[in-house]
Amino acid sequence: MYVGIDIGGTKTHTRVEANGRIVLDATVLTSSWRWGGLLDDAGNATRLLGLFASVPRSETAPLALGAHGLDSAWQCAEFEARLAAERPGLVRAVNDVELVGPAAGYDTAIAVIAGTGSRIVAHDAAGAVVSAGGYGHLLGDPGSAPALARDAVRAVLWARDEGCAPGLLSQTLMEHFGVDDEVAMSYEFSADSRLTTWGALAPLLFAAADAGSRLAATVIDEAARELATAVGLVRARGALGTDVVCAGGVISNQPRLFDALERHIAELDRTLSLRLLQVAPVVGAIAIAQRMHPSQLTTTHQLDESRRNT
């Protein structure tokens, strides 16, 4: 028996497999069990384990999880320790992006996430995580829904400063906010910088590009170029693999972004192969659980060592 969990910012997907058969597959709102950040409340580990407690003998099965918000070795080790304190089975915790490669069936791959946020994750020859990005929509996250909206507004304002008449993208955004001036639009946009508020504007950018807006198309292409550049950065730092696997709501559902990334990846290195993840990321958690060994049990020594190295 194996347990895999994909913990996203919005939803948590839990799967339990036994003898090659799925015995539990359930998705719940992450807010239904996680209070604050993953490490903020001591009860989060207990409530997470409760999501599959109804499955007999699951407490002794290897458990692997990928979680949004586990961004350092110390955080992963800390949450592993909390889970291990409450169950006898093996536990492994990683960032949710690390599920993408195993879910696609690769031992070594470069994962590209572009959805609510964006991040590039791979591993070097020593098995250490090599990553780029993932700093949030206010500072980065190219190709994510909120960052695309941010870049669209900036592009409209820059075009205004260049003396250009309002184009299709400008008109689309002004209409959305119910204003007739780009400056007023920028005020409305900046007034609510929540991830979900900005992210909801991304479809307007793609619709404008599909309708012929060169400015909108340029914003999307630039985001793809930044993602490709980040892939190049992790490769320069020793990332293994020539398969680049993409996942996330934006890149999975917007062919224009994927096609632009494919073009920029080819320009970066023609030995790289780009593809979309075709299964749920939780499949990657199950794959990791299947490869787990008793030597991976979290110990106090390992946790202390991780803290020192962070």
C-alpha atoms as a PDB file:
ATOM      1  CA  MET A   1       0.000   0.000   0.000  1.00  0.00           C
ATOM      2  CA  TYR A   2       1.165   3.545  -0.818  1.00  0.00           C
ATOM      3  CA  VAL A   3      -0.186   6.993   0.079  1.00  0.00           C
ATOM      4  CA  GLY A   4       0.364  10.068  -2.067  1.00  0.00           C
ATOM      5  CA  ILE A   5      -0.800  13.630  -1.382  1.00  0.00           C
ATOM      6  CA  ASP A   6      -0.621  16.781  -3.509  1.00  0.00           C
ATOM      7  CA  ILE A   7      -1.161  19.847  -1.331  1.00  0.00           C
ATOM      8  CA  GLY A   8      -1.930  22.932  -3.376  1.00  0.00           C
ATOM      9  CA  GLY A   9      -2.744  26.424  -2.252  1.00  0.00           C
ATOM     10  CA  THR A  10      -6.425  25.784  -2.970  1.00  0.00           C
ATOM     11  CA  LYS A  11      -7.009  22.021  -3.042  1.00  0.00           C
ATOM     12  CA  THR A  12      -5.492  18.875  -1.542  1.00  0.00           C
ATOM     13  CA  HIS A  13      -5.575  15.652  -3.567  1.00  0.00           C
ATOM     14  CA  THR A  14      -5.099  12.397  -1.627  1.00  0.00           C
ATOM     15  CA  ARG A  15      -4.665   8.975  -3.203  1.00  0.00           C
ATOM     16  CA  VAL A  16      -4.113   5.560  -1.640  1.00  0.00           C
ATOM     17  CA  GLU A  17      -3.117   2.596  -3.792  1.00  0.00           C
ATOM     18  CA  ALA A  18      -2.889  -1.058  -2.808  1.00  0.00           C
ATOM     19  CA  ASN A  19      -1.815  -3.897  -5.090  1.00  0.00           C
ATOM     20  CA  GLY A  20      -1.971  -1.575  -8.091  1.00  0.00           C
ATOM     21  CA  ARG A  21      -5.554  -0.565  -7.312  1.00  0.00           C
ATOM     22  CA  ILE A  22      -6.779   2.870  -6.193  1.00  0.00           C
ATOM     23  CA  VAL A  23      -8.626   2.415  -2.897  1.00  0.00           C
ATOM     24  CA  LEU A  24      -9.023   6.117  -2.098  1.00  0.00           C
ATOM     25  CA  ASP A  25      -8.971   9.165  -4.349  1.00  0.00           C
ATOM     26  CA  ALA A  26     -10.312  12.330  -2.773  1.00  0.00           C
ATOM     27  CA  THR A  27      -9.915  16.067  -3.211  1.00  0.00           C
ATOM     28  CA  VAL A  28     -10.777  18.599  -0.514  1.00  0.00           C
ATOM     29  CA  LEU A  29     -10.201  22.290   0.011  1.00  0.00           C
ATOM     30  CA  THR A  30      -6.819  22.829   1.627  1.00  0.00           C
ATOM     31  CA  SER A  31      -8.438  25.353   3.965  1.00  0.00           C
ATOM     32  CA  SER A  32     -10.621  22.550   5.368  1.00  0.00           C
ATOM     33  CA  TRP A  33      -7.650  21.059   7.227  1.00  0.00           C
ATOM     34  CA  ARG A  34      -4.726  23.506   7.013  1.00  0.00           C
ATOM     35  CA  TRP A  35      -4.821  26.418   9.409  1.00  0.00           C
ATOM     36  CA  GLY A  36      -2.462  29.178   8.312  1.00  0.00           C
ATOM     37  CA  GLY A  37       0.765  28.007   6.698  1.00  0.00           C
ATOM     38  CA  LEU A  38       1.635  24.325   6.745  1.00  0.00           C
ATOM     39  CA  LEU A  39       3.994  24.784   9.716  1.00  0.00           C
ATOM     40  CA  ASP A  40       1.986  27.458  11.497  1.00  0.00           C
ATOM     41  CA  ASP A  41      -0.372  25.156  13.379  1.00  0.00           C
ATOM     42  CA  ALA A  42       0.687  21.985  15.193  1.00  0.00           C
ATOM     43  CA  GLY A  43      -2.637  20.354  14.332  1.00  0.00           C
ATOM     44  CA  ASN A  44      -2.113  20.551  10.565  1.00  0.00           C
ATOM     45  CA  ALA A  45      -0.206  17.251  10.470  1.00  0.00           C
ATOM     46  CA  THR A  46      -2.919  15.487  12.471  1.00  0.00           C
ATOM     47  CA  ARG A  47      -5.728  16.825  10.293  1.00  0.00           C
ATOM     48  CA  LEU A  48      -3.841  15.929   7.104  1.00  0.00           C
ATOM     49  CA  LEU A  49      -3.379  12.337   8.254  1.00  0.00           C
ATOM     50  CA  GLY A  50      -7.094  12.240   8.998  1.00  0.00           C
ATOM     51  CA  LEU A  51      -7.847  12.609   5.286  1.00  0.00           C
ATOM     52  CA  PHE A  52      -7.014   8.940   4.693  1.00  0.00           C
ATOM     53  CA  ALA A  53      -7.360   7.483   8.203  1.00  0.00           C
ATOM     54  CA  SER A  54     -10.448   5.536   7.114  1.00  0.00           C
ATOM     55  CA  VAL A  55      -8.302   3.233   4.956  1.00  0.00           C
ATOM     56  CA  PRO A  56      -7.251   0.192   7.026  1.00  0.00           C
ATOM     57  CA  ARG A  57      -3.481  -0.216   7.534  1.00  0.00           C
ATOM     58  CA  SER A  58      -2.726   3.084   5.766  1.00  0.00           C
ATOM     59  CA  GLU A  59      -0.850   4.335   8.832  1.00  0.00           C
ATOM     60  CA  THR A  60       1.993   1.899   8.087  1.00  0.00           C
ATOM     61  CA  ALA A  61       2.125   2.557   4.327  1.00  0.00           C
ATOM     62  CA  PRO A  62       4.869   4.753   2.823  1.00  0.00           C
ATOM     63  CA  LEU A  63       3.532   8.307   2.564  1.00  0.00           C
ATOM     64  CA  ALA A  64       4.900  10.839   0.085  1.00  0.00           C
ATOM     65  CA  LEU A  65       3.509  14.343  -0.273  1.00  0.00           C
ATOM     66  CA  GLY A  66       4.255  17.430  -2.291  1.00  0.00           C
ATOM     67  CA  ALA A  67       3.169  20.705  -0.766  1.00  0.00           C
ATOM     68  CA  HIS A  68       2.903  24.283  -1.908  1.00  0.00           C
ATOM     69  CA  GLY A  69       4.798  26.252   0.721  1.00  0.00           C
ATOM     70  CA  LEU A  70       7.494  23.706   1.524  1.00  0.00           C
ATOM     71  CA  ASP A  71      10.253  25.718  -0.114  1.00  0.00           C
ATOM     72  CA  SER A  72      13.371  24.754   1.845  1.00  0.00           C
ATOM     73  CA  ALA A  73      15.094  21.603   3.100  1.00  0.00           C
ATOM     74  CA  TRP A  74      14.380  22.635   6.683  1.00  0.00           C
ATOM     75  CA  GLN A  75      10.648  23.113   6.053  1.00  0.00           C
ATOM     76  CA  CYS A  76      10.392  19.700   4.394  1.00  0.00           C
ATOM     77  CA  ALA A  77      12.281  17.994   7.212  1.00  0.00           C
ATOM     78  CA  GLU A  78      10.236  19.786   9.870  1.00  0.00           C
ATOM     79  CA  PHE A  79       6.910  18.680   8.391  1.00  0.00           C
ATOM     80  CA  GLU A  80       8.232  15.145   7.861  1.00  0.00           C
ATOM     81  CA  ALA A  81       9.148  15.033  11.544  1.00  0.00           C
ATOM     82  CA  ARG A  82       5.678  16.164  12.599  1.00  0.00           C
ATOM     83  CA  LEU A  83       4.032  13.505  10.469  1.00  0.00           C
ATOM     84  CA  ALA A  84       6.504  10.797  11.550  1.00  0.00           C
ATOM     85  CA  ALA A  85       5.713  11.555  15.189  1.00  0.00           C
ATOM     86  CA  GLU A  86       2.106  10.510  14.568  1.00  0.00           C
ATOM     87  CA  ARG A  87       2.468   7.421  12.347  1.00  0.00           C
ATOM     88  CA  PRO A  88       4.840   4.439  12.081  1.00  0.00           C
ATOM     89  CA  GLY A  89       5.081   4.411   8.291  1.00  0.00           C
ATOM     90  CA  LEU A  90       7.749   6.048   6.153  1.00  0.00           C
ATOM     91  CA  VAL A  91       7.237   9.750   5.376  1.00  0.00           C
ATOM     92  CA  ARG A  92       8.660  11.957   2.638  1.00  0.00           C
ATOM     93  CA  ALA A  93       7.749  15.616   2.106  1.00  0.00           C
ATOM     94  CA  VAL A  94       8.826  17.729  -0.881  1.00  0.00           C
ATOM     95  CA  ASN A  95       7.738  20.871  -2.664  1.00  0.00           C
ATOM     96  CA  ASP A  96       4.715  20.197  -4.869  1.00  0.00           C
ATOM     97  CA  VAL A  97       6.673  21.015  -8.037  1.00  0.00           C
ATOM     98  CA  GLU A  98       8.851  17.955  -7.354  1.00  0.00           C
ATOM     99  CA  LEU A  99       5.854  15.725  -8.094  1.00  0.00           C
ATOM    100  CA  VAL A 100       5.776  16.702 -11.772  1.00  0.00           C
ATOM    101  CA  GLY A 101       8.771  14.703 -13.032  1.00  0.00           C
ATOM    102  CA  PRO A 102       7.838  11.446 -11.271  1.00  0.00           C
ATOM    103  CA  ALA A 103       4.199  11.891 -12.332  1.00  0.00           C
ATOM    104  CA  ALA A 104       5.378  11.991 -15.957  1.00  0.00           C
ATOM    105  CA  GLY A 105       7.422   8.844 -15.392  1.00  0.00           C
ATOM    106  CA  TYR A 106      10.911  10.393 -15.342  1.00  0.00           C
ATOM    107  CA  ASP A 107      13.682   9.782 -12.849  1.00  0.00           C
ATOM    108  CA  THR A 108      15.329  13.009 -13.977  1.00  0.00           C
ATOM    109  CA  ALA A 109      13.356  15.876 -15.461  1.00  0.00           C
ATOM    110  CA  ILE A 110      13.075  19.636 -15.258  1.00  0.00           C
ATOM    111  CA  ALA A 111       9.650  20.675 -14.004  1.00  0.00           C
ATOM    112  CA  VAL A 112       8.055  23.944 -15.090  1.00  0.00           C
ATOM    113  CA  ILE A 113       5.001  25.117 -13.185  1.00  0.00           C
ATOM    114  CA  ALA A 114       2.937  28.008 -14.509  1.00  0.00           C
ATOM    115  CA  GLY A 115      -0.435  28.420 -12.879  1.00  0.00           C
ATOM    116  CA  THR A 116      -1.299  30.295  -9.715  1.00  0.00           C
ATOM    117  CA  GLY A 117       2.455  30.790  -9.370  1.00  0.00           C
ATOM    118  CA  SER A 118       5.470  29.678 -11.370  1.00  0.00           C
ATOM    119  CA  ARG A 119       8.684  27.861 -10.528  1.00  0.00           C
ATOM    120  CA  ILE A 120      11.350  25.698 -12.153  1.00  0.00           C
ATOM    121  CA  VAL A 121      12.554  22.645 -10.196  1.00  0.00           C
ATOM    122  CA  ALA A 122      15.071  19.909 -11.002  1.00  0.00           C
ATOM    123  CA  HIS A 123      17.772  17.849  -9.258  1.00  0.00           C
ATOM    124  CA  ASP A 124      21.535  17.706  -9.603  1.00  0.00           C
ATOM    125  CA  ALA A 125      23.793  14.630  -9.653  1.00  0.00           C
ATOM    126  CA  ALA A 126      23.811  14.507  -5.855  1.00  0.00           C
ATOM    127  CA  GLY A 127      20.016  14.517  -5.721  1.00  0.00           C
ATOM    128  CA  ALA A 128      19.817  18.051  -4.351  1.00  0.00           C
ATOM    129  CA  VAL A 129      17.015  20.335  -5.516  1.00  0.00           C
ATOM    130  CA  VAL A 130      17.993  23.003  -8.040  1.00  0.00           C
ATOM    131  CA  SER A 131      15.284  25.621  -8.513  1.00  0.00           C
ATOM    132  CA  ALA A 132      14.572  29.044  -9.947  1.00  0.00           C
ATOM    133  CA  GLY A 133      11.709  31.446  -9.372  1.00  0.00           C
ATOM    134  CA  GLY A 134       8.742  30.923  -7.122  1.00  0.00           C
ATOM    135  CA  TYR A 135       9.029  34.302  -5.405  1.00  0.00           C
ATOM    136  CA  GLY A 136       5.414  35.360  -5.700  1.00  0.00           C
ATOM    137  CA  HIS A 137       3.375  37.422  -8.129  1.00  0.00           C
ATOM    138  CA  LEU A 138       4.515  40.776  -6.751  1.00  0.00           C
ATOM    139  CA  LEU A 139       8.178  40.071  -7.494  1.00  0.00           C
ATOM    140  CA  GLY A 140       8.299  37.446 -10.212  1.00  0.00           C
ATOM    141  CA  ASP A 141       6.462  34.230 -11.157  1.00  0.00           C
ATOM    142  CA  PRO A 142       6.586  34.763 -14.955  1.00  0.00           C
ATOM    143  CA  GLY A 143       3.869  32.902 -16.803  1.00  0.00           C
ATOM    144  CA  SER A 144       1.613  32.648 -13.769  1.00  0.00           C
ATOM    145  CA  ALA A 145      -1.891  34.062 -14.015  1.00  0.00           C
ATOM    146  CA  PRO A 146      -1.378  37.038 -11.653  1.00  0.00           C
ATOM    147  CA  ALA A 147       2.060  37.895 -13.052  1.00  0.00           C
ATOM    148  CA  LEU A 148       0.700  37.886 -16.595  1.00  0.00           C
ATOM    149  CA  ALA A 149      -1.992  40.351 -15.504  1.00  0.00           C
ATOM    150  CA  ARG A 150       0.657  42.506 -13.808  1.00  0.00           C
ATOM    151  CA  ASP A 151       2.812  42.505 -16.944  1.00  0.00           C
ATOM    152  CA  ALA A 152      -0.194  43.273 -19.141  1.00  0.00           C
ATOM    153  CA  VAL A 153      -0.978  46.396 -17.105  1.00  0.00           C
ATOM    154  CA  ARG A 154       2.663  47.496 -17.195  1.00  0.00           C
ATOM    155  CA  ALA A 155       2.767  46.994 -20.967  1.00  0.00           C
ATOM    156  CA  VAL A 156      -0.355  49.122 -21.411  1.00  0.00           C
ATOM    157  CA  LEU A 157       1.119  51.911 -19.297  1.00  0.00           C
ATOM    158  CA  TRP A 158       4.423  51.794 -21.162  1.00  0.00           C
ATOM    159  CA  ALA A 159       2.600  51.982 -24.486  1.00  0.00           C
ATOM    160  CA  ARG A 160       0.751  55.034 -23.182  1.00  0.00           C
ATOM    161  CA  ASP A 161       4.067  56.672 -22.251  1.00  0.00           C
ATOM    162  CA  GLU A 162       5.305  55.992 -25.775  1.00  0.00           C
ATOM    163  CA  GLY A 163       2.367  57.997 -27.088  1.00  0.00           C
ATOM    164  CA  CYS A 164       0.430  55.054 -28.485  1.00  0.00           C
ATOM    165  CA  ALA A 165      -3.343  55.254 -28.741  1.00  0.00           C
ATOM    166  CA  PRO A 166      -5.185  52.755 -26.552  1.00  0.00           C
ATOM    167  CA  GLY A 167      -5.125  49.387 -28.299  1.00  0.00           C
ATOM    168  CA  LEU A 168      -7.222  46.272 -27.843  1.00  0.00           C
ATOM    169  CA  LEU A 169      -5.481  45.176 -24.644  1.00  0.00           C
ATOM    170  CA  SER A 170      -5.805  48.648 -23.131  1.00  0.00           C
ATOM    171  CA  GLN A 171      -9.477  48.853 -24.050  1.00  0.00           C
ATOM    172  CA  THR A 172     -10.137  45.363 -22.664  1.00  0.00           C
ATOM    173  CA  LEU A 173      -8.598  46.188 -19.298  1.00  0.00           C
ATOM    174  CA  MET A 174     -10.246  49.603 -19.053  1.00  0.00           C
ATOM    175  CA  GLU A 175     -13.614  48.066 -19.862  1.00  0.00           C
ATOM    176  CA  HIS A 176     -13.061  45.424 -17.187  1.00  0.00           C
ATOM    177  CA  PHE A 177     -12.460  48.076 -14.549  1.00  0.00           C
ATOM    178  CA  GLY A 178     -15.158  50.396 -15.827  1.00  0.00           C
ATOM    179  CA  VAL A 179     -12.839  53.330 -16.556  1.00  0.00           C
ATOM    180  CA  ASP A 180     -11.864  55.223 -19.705  1.00  0.00           C
ATOM    181  CA  ASP A 181      -8.247  56.070 -18.922  1.00  0.00           C
ATOM    182  CA  GLU A 182      -5.146  53.913 -18.494  1.00  0.00           C
ATOM    183  CA  VAL A 183      -4.063  55.768 -15.357  1.00  0.00           C
ATOM    184  CA  ALA A 184      -7.426  55.212 -13.711  1.00  0.00           C
ATOM    185  CA  MET A 185      -7.153  51.567 -14.735  1.00  0.00           C
ATOM    186  CA  SER A 186      -3.748  51.292 -13.054  1.00  0.00           C
ATOM    187  CA  TYR A 187      -5.180  52.714  -9.823  1.00  0.00           C
ATOM    188  CA  GLU A 188      -8.019  50.195  -9.844  1.00  0.00           C
ATOM    189  CA  PHE A 189      -5.606  47.372 -10.574  1.00  0.00           C
ATOM    190  CA  SER A 190      -3.196  48.360  -7.791  1.00  0.00           C
ATOM    191  CA  ALA A 191      -5.954  48.833  -5.230  1.00  0.00           C
ATOM    192  CA  ASP A 192      -6.367  45.068  -4.828  1.00  0.00           C
ATOM    193  CA  SER A 193      -3.157  43.114  -5.323  1.00  0.00           C
ATOM    194  CA  ARG A 194      -4.426  39.796  -4.077  1.00  0.00           C
ATOM    195  CA  LEU A 195      -3.202  36.807  -6.072  1.00  0.00           C
ATOM    196  CA  THR A 196      -6.718  35.685  -6.964  1.00  0.00           C
ATOM    197  CA  THR A 197      -7.816  39.184  -8.027  1.00  0.00           C
ATOM    198  CA  TRP A 198      -4.919  39.656 -10.405  1.00  0.00           C
ATOM    199  CA  GLY A 199      -5.041  36.056 -11.584  1.00  0.00           C
ATOM    200  CA  ALA A 200      -8.648  36.421 -12.686  1.00  0.00           C
ATOM    201  CA  LEU A 201      -7.522  38.949 -15.330  1.00  0.00           C
ATOM    202  CA  ALA A 202      -5.211  36.540 -17.178  1.00  0.00           C
ATOM    203  CA  PRO A 203      -7.943  35.190 -19.513  1.00  0.00           C
ATOM    204  CA  LEU A 204      -8.465  38.763 -20.764  1.00  0.00           C
ATOM    205  CA  LEU A 205      -4.831  38.886 -21.871  1.00  0.00           C
ATOM    206  CA  PHE A 206      -5.081  35.649 -23.838  1.00  0.00           C
ATOM    207  CA  ALA A 207      -8.423  36.679 -25.359  1.00  0.00           C
ATOM    208  CA  ALA A 208      -6.884  39.964 -26.517  1.00  0.00           C
ATOM    209  CA  ALA A 209      -3.903  38.129 -28.032  1.00  0.00           C
ATOM    210  CA  ASP A 210      -6.227  35.724 -29.859  1.00  0.00           C
ATOM    211  CA  ALA A 211      -8.197  38.702 -31.140  1.00  0.00           C
ATOM    212  CA  GLY A 212      -5.072  40.184 -32.697  1.00  0.00           C
ATOM    213  CA  SER A 213      -3.469  42.361 -30.017  1.00  0.00           C
ATOM    214  CA  ARG A 214       0.253  42.454 -30.722  1.00  0.00           C
ATOM    215  CA  LEU A 215       0.884  43.973 -27.301  1.00  0.00           C
ATOM    216  CA  ALA A 216      -0.894  41.087 -25.554  1.00  0.00           C
ATOM    217  CA  ALA A 217       0.999  38.553 -27.653  1.00  0.00           C
ATOM    218  CA  THR A 218       4.280  40.235 -26.737  1.00  0.00           C
ATOM    219  CA  VAL A 219       3.475  40.045 -23.004  1.00  0.00           C
ATOM    220  CA  ILE A 220       2.834  36.294 -23.304  1.00  0.00           C
ATOM    221  CA  ASP A 221       5.947  35.719 -25.376  1.00  0.00           C
ATOM    222  CA  GLU A 222       8.103  37.605 -22.880  1.00  0.00           C
ATOM    223  CA  ALA A 223       6.751  35.484 -20.026  1.00  0.00           C
ATOM    224  CA  ALA A 224       7.649  32.345 -21.978  1.00  0.00           C
ATOM    225  CA  ARG A 225      11.136  33.727 -22.613  1.00  0.00           C
ATOM    226  CA  GLU A 226      11.634  34.320 -18.890  1.00  0.00           C
ATOM    227  CA  LEU A 227      10.549  30.759 -18.108  1.00  0.00           C
ATOM    228  CA  ALA A 228      12.970  29.395 -20.702  1.00  0.00           C
ATOM    229  CA  THR A 229      15.757  31.540 -19.263  1.00  0.00           C
ATOM    230  CA  ALA A 230      15.029  30.077 -15.823  1.00  0.00           C
ATOM    231  CA  VAL A 231      15.325  26.571 -17.281  1.00  0.00           C
ATOM    232  CA  GLY A 232      18.732  27.587 -18.589  1.00  0.00           C
ATOM    233  CA  LEU A 233      19.706  28.851 -15.115  1.00  0.00           C
ATOM    234  CA  VAL A 234      18.959  25.556 -13.372  1.00  0.00           C
ATOM    235  CA  ARG A 235      20.824  23.642 -16.079  1.00  0.00           C
ATOM    236  CA  ALA A 236      23.826  25.910 -15.575  1.00  0.00           C
ATOM    237  CA  ARG A 237      23.726  24.980 -11.882  1.00  0.00           C
ATOM    238  CA  GLY A 238      23.833  21.260 -12.579  1.00  0.00           C
ATOM    239  CA  ALA A 239      20.222  20.243 -13.149  1.00  0.00           C
ATOM    240  CA  LEU A 240      19.958  16.808 -14.750  1.00  0.00           C
ATOM    241  CA  GLY A 241      17.585  15.734 -17.493  1.00  0.00           C
ATOM    242  CA  THR A 242      16.653  16.791 -20.991  1.00  0.00           C
ATOM    243  CA  ASP A 243      12.903  16.355 -20.528  1.00  0.00           C
ATOM    244  CA  VAL A 244      11.118  19.548 -19.527  1.00  0.00           C
ATOM    245  CA  VAL A 245       7.681  18.738 -18.118  1.00  0.00           C
ATOM    246  CA  CYS A 246       5.092  21.510 -17.758  1.00  0.00           C
ATOM    247  CA  ALA A 247       2.151  21.641 -15.391  1.00  0.00           C
ATOM    248  CA  GLY A 248      -0.145  24.258 -13.929  1.00  0.00           C
ATOM    249  CA  GLY A 249      -3.459  25.730 -14.953  1.00  0.00           C
ATOM    250  CA  VAL A 250      -2.151  28.472 -17.219  1.00  0.00           C
ATOM    251  CA  ILE A 251       0.362  26.569 -19.312  1.00  0.00           C
ATOM    252  CA  SER A 252      -1.902  23.506 -19.486  1.00  0.00           C
ATOM    253  CA  ASN A 253      -4.916  25.445 -20.718  1.00  0.00           C
ATOM    254  CA  GLN A 254      -3.344  28.211 -22.805  1.00  0.00           C
ATOM    255  CA  PRO A 255      -1.623  26.777 -25.913  1.00  0.00           C
ATOM    256  CA  ARG A 256      -0.244  30.196 -26.795  1.00  0.00           C
ATOM    257  CA  LEU A 257       1.985  30.187 -23.699  1.00  0.00           C
ATOM    258  CA  PHE A 258       3.074  26.575 -24.192  1.00  0.00           C
ATOM    259  CA  ASP A 259       3.890  27.139 -27.862  1.00  0.00           C
ATOM    260  CA  ALA A 260       5.931  30.240 -27.031  1.00  0.00           C
ATOM    261  CA  LEU A 261       7.824  28.350 -24.324  1.00  0.00           C
ATOM    262  CA  GLU A 262       8.503  25.489 -26.728  1.00  0.00           C
ATOM    263  CA  ARG A 263       9.995  27.953 -29.209  1.00  0.00           C
ATOM    264  CA  HIS A 264      12.217  29.595 -26.596  1.00  0.00           C
ATOM    265  CA  ILE A 265      13.299  26.240 -25.159  1.00  0.00           C
ATOM    266  CA  ALA A 266      14.379  25.161 -28.662  1.00  0.00           C
ATOM    267  CA  GLU A 267      16.398  28.366 -28.986  1.00  0.00           C
ATOM    268  CA  LEU A 268      18.005  27.643 -25.612  1.00  0.00           C
ATOM    269  CA  ASP A 269      18.989  24.032 -26.307  1.00  0.00           C
ATOM    270  CA  ARG A 270      17.649  21.766 -29.030  1.00  0.00           C
ATOM    271  CA  THR A 271      18.457  18.670 -26.950  1.00  0.00           C
ATOM    272  CA  LEU A 272      15.642  19.632 -24.559  1.00  0.00           C
ATOM    273  CA  SER A 273      12.200  18.110 -25.082  1.00  0.00           C
ATOM    274  CA  LEU A 274       9.118  19.970 -23.825  1.00  0.00           C
ATOM    275  CA  ARG A 275       5.849  18.272 -22.898  1.00  0.00           C
ATOM    276  CA  LEU A 276       2.727  18.790 -20.813  1.00  0.00           C
ATOM    277  CA  LEU A 277       1.950  16.639 -17.797  1.00  0.00           C
ATOM    278  CA  GLN A 278      -1.057  14.511 -18.742  1.00  0.00           C
ATOM    279  CA  VAL A 279      -1.901  13.047 -15.319  1.00  0.00           C
ATOM    280  CA  ALA A 280      -2.669  14.458 -11.889  1.00  0.00           C
ATOM    281  CA  PRO A 281       0.465  15.458  -9.935  1.00  0.00           C
ATOM    282  CA  VAL A 282      -0.599  13.127  -7.102  1.00  0.00           C
ATOM    283  CA  VAL A 283       0.557  10.301  -9.377  1.00  0.00           C
ATOM    284  CA  GLY A 284       4.058  11.634  -8.773  1.00  0.00           C
ATOM    285  CA  ALA A 285       3.551  11.384  -5.012  1.00  0.00           C
ATOM    286  CA  ILE A 286       2.600   7.725  -5.373  1.00  0.00           C
ATOM    287  CA  ALA A 287       5.672   7.139  -7.549  1.00  0.00           C
ATOM    288  CA  ILE A 288       7.913   8.684  -4.875  1.00  0.00           C
ATOM    289  CA  ALA A 289       6.249   6.569  -2.167  1.00  0.00           C
ATOM    290  CA  GLN A 290       6.917   3.427  -4.182  1.00  0.00           C
ATOM    291  CA  ARG A 291      10.644   4.221  -4.240  1.00  0.00           C
ATOM    292  CA  MET A 292      10.961   5.006  -0.538  1.00  0.00           C
ATOM    293  CA  HIS A 293      13.329   3.046   1.717  1.00  0.00           C
ATOM    294  CA  PRO A 294      13.534   2.797   5.536  1.00  0.00           C
ATOM    295  CA  SER A 295      16.776   4.807   5.447  1.00  0.00           C
ATOM    296  CA  GLN A 296      14.670   7.847   4.505  1.00  0.00           C
ATOM    297  CA  LEU A 297      12.932   7.957   7.879  1.00  0.00           C
ATOM    298  CA  THR A 298      13.247  11.443   9.338  1.00  0.00           C
ATOM    299  CA  THR A 299      15.379  11.508  12.486  1.00  0.00           C
ATOM    300  CA  THR A 300      16.197  14.266  14.934  1.00  0.00           C
ATOM    301  CA  HIS A 301      19.775  14.259  13.639  1.00  0.00           C
ATOM    302  CA  GLN A 302      18.601  14.735  10.041  1.00  0.00           C
ATOM    303  CA  LEU A 303      16.308  17.582  11.078  1.00  0.00           C
ATOM    304  CA  ASP A 304      19.074  19.345  13.005  1.00  0.00           C
ATOM    305  CA  GLU A 305      21.454  18.920  10.064  1.00  0.00           C
ATOM    306  CA  SER A 306      18.871  20.356   7.668  1.00  0.00           C
ATOM    307  CA  ARG A 307      18.400  23.366   9.937  1.00  0.00           C
ATOM    308  CA  ARG A 308      22.121  24.036   9.986  1.00  0.00           C
ATOM    309  CA  ASN A 309      22.337  23.865   6.177  1.00  0.00           C
ATOM    310  CA  THR A 310      19.384  26.167   5.487  1.00  0.00           C
END
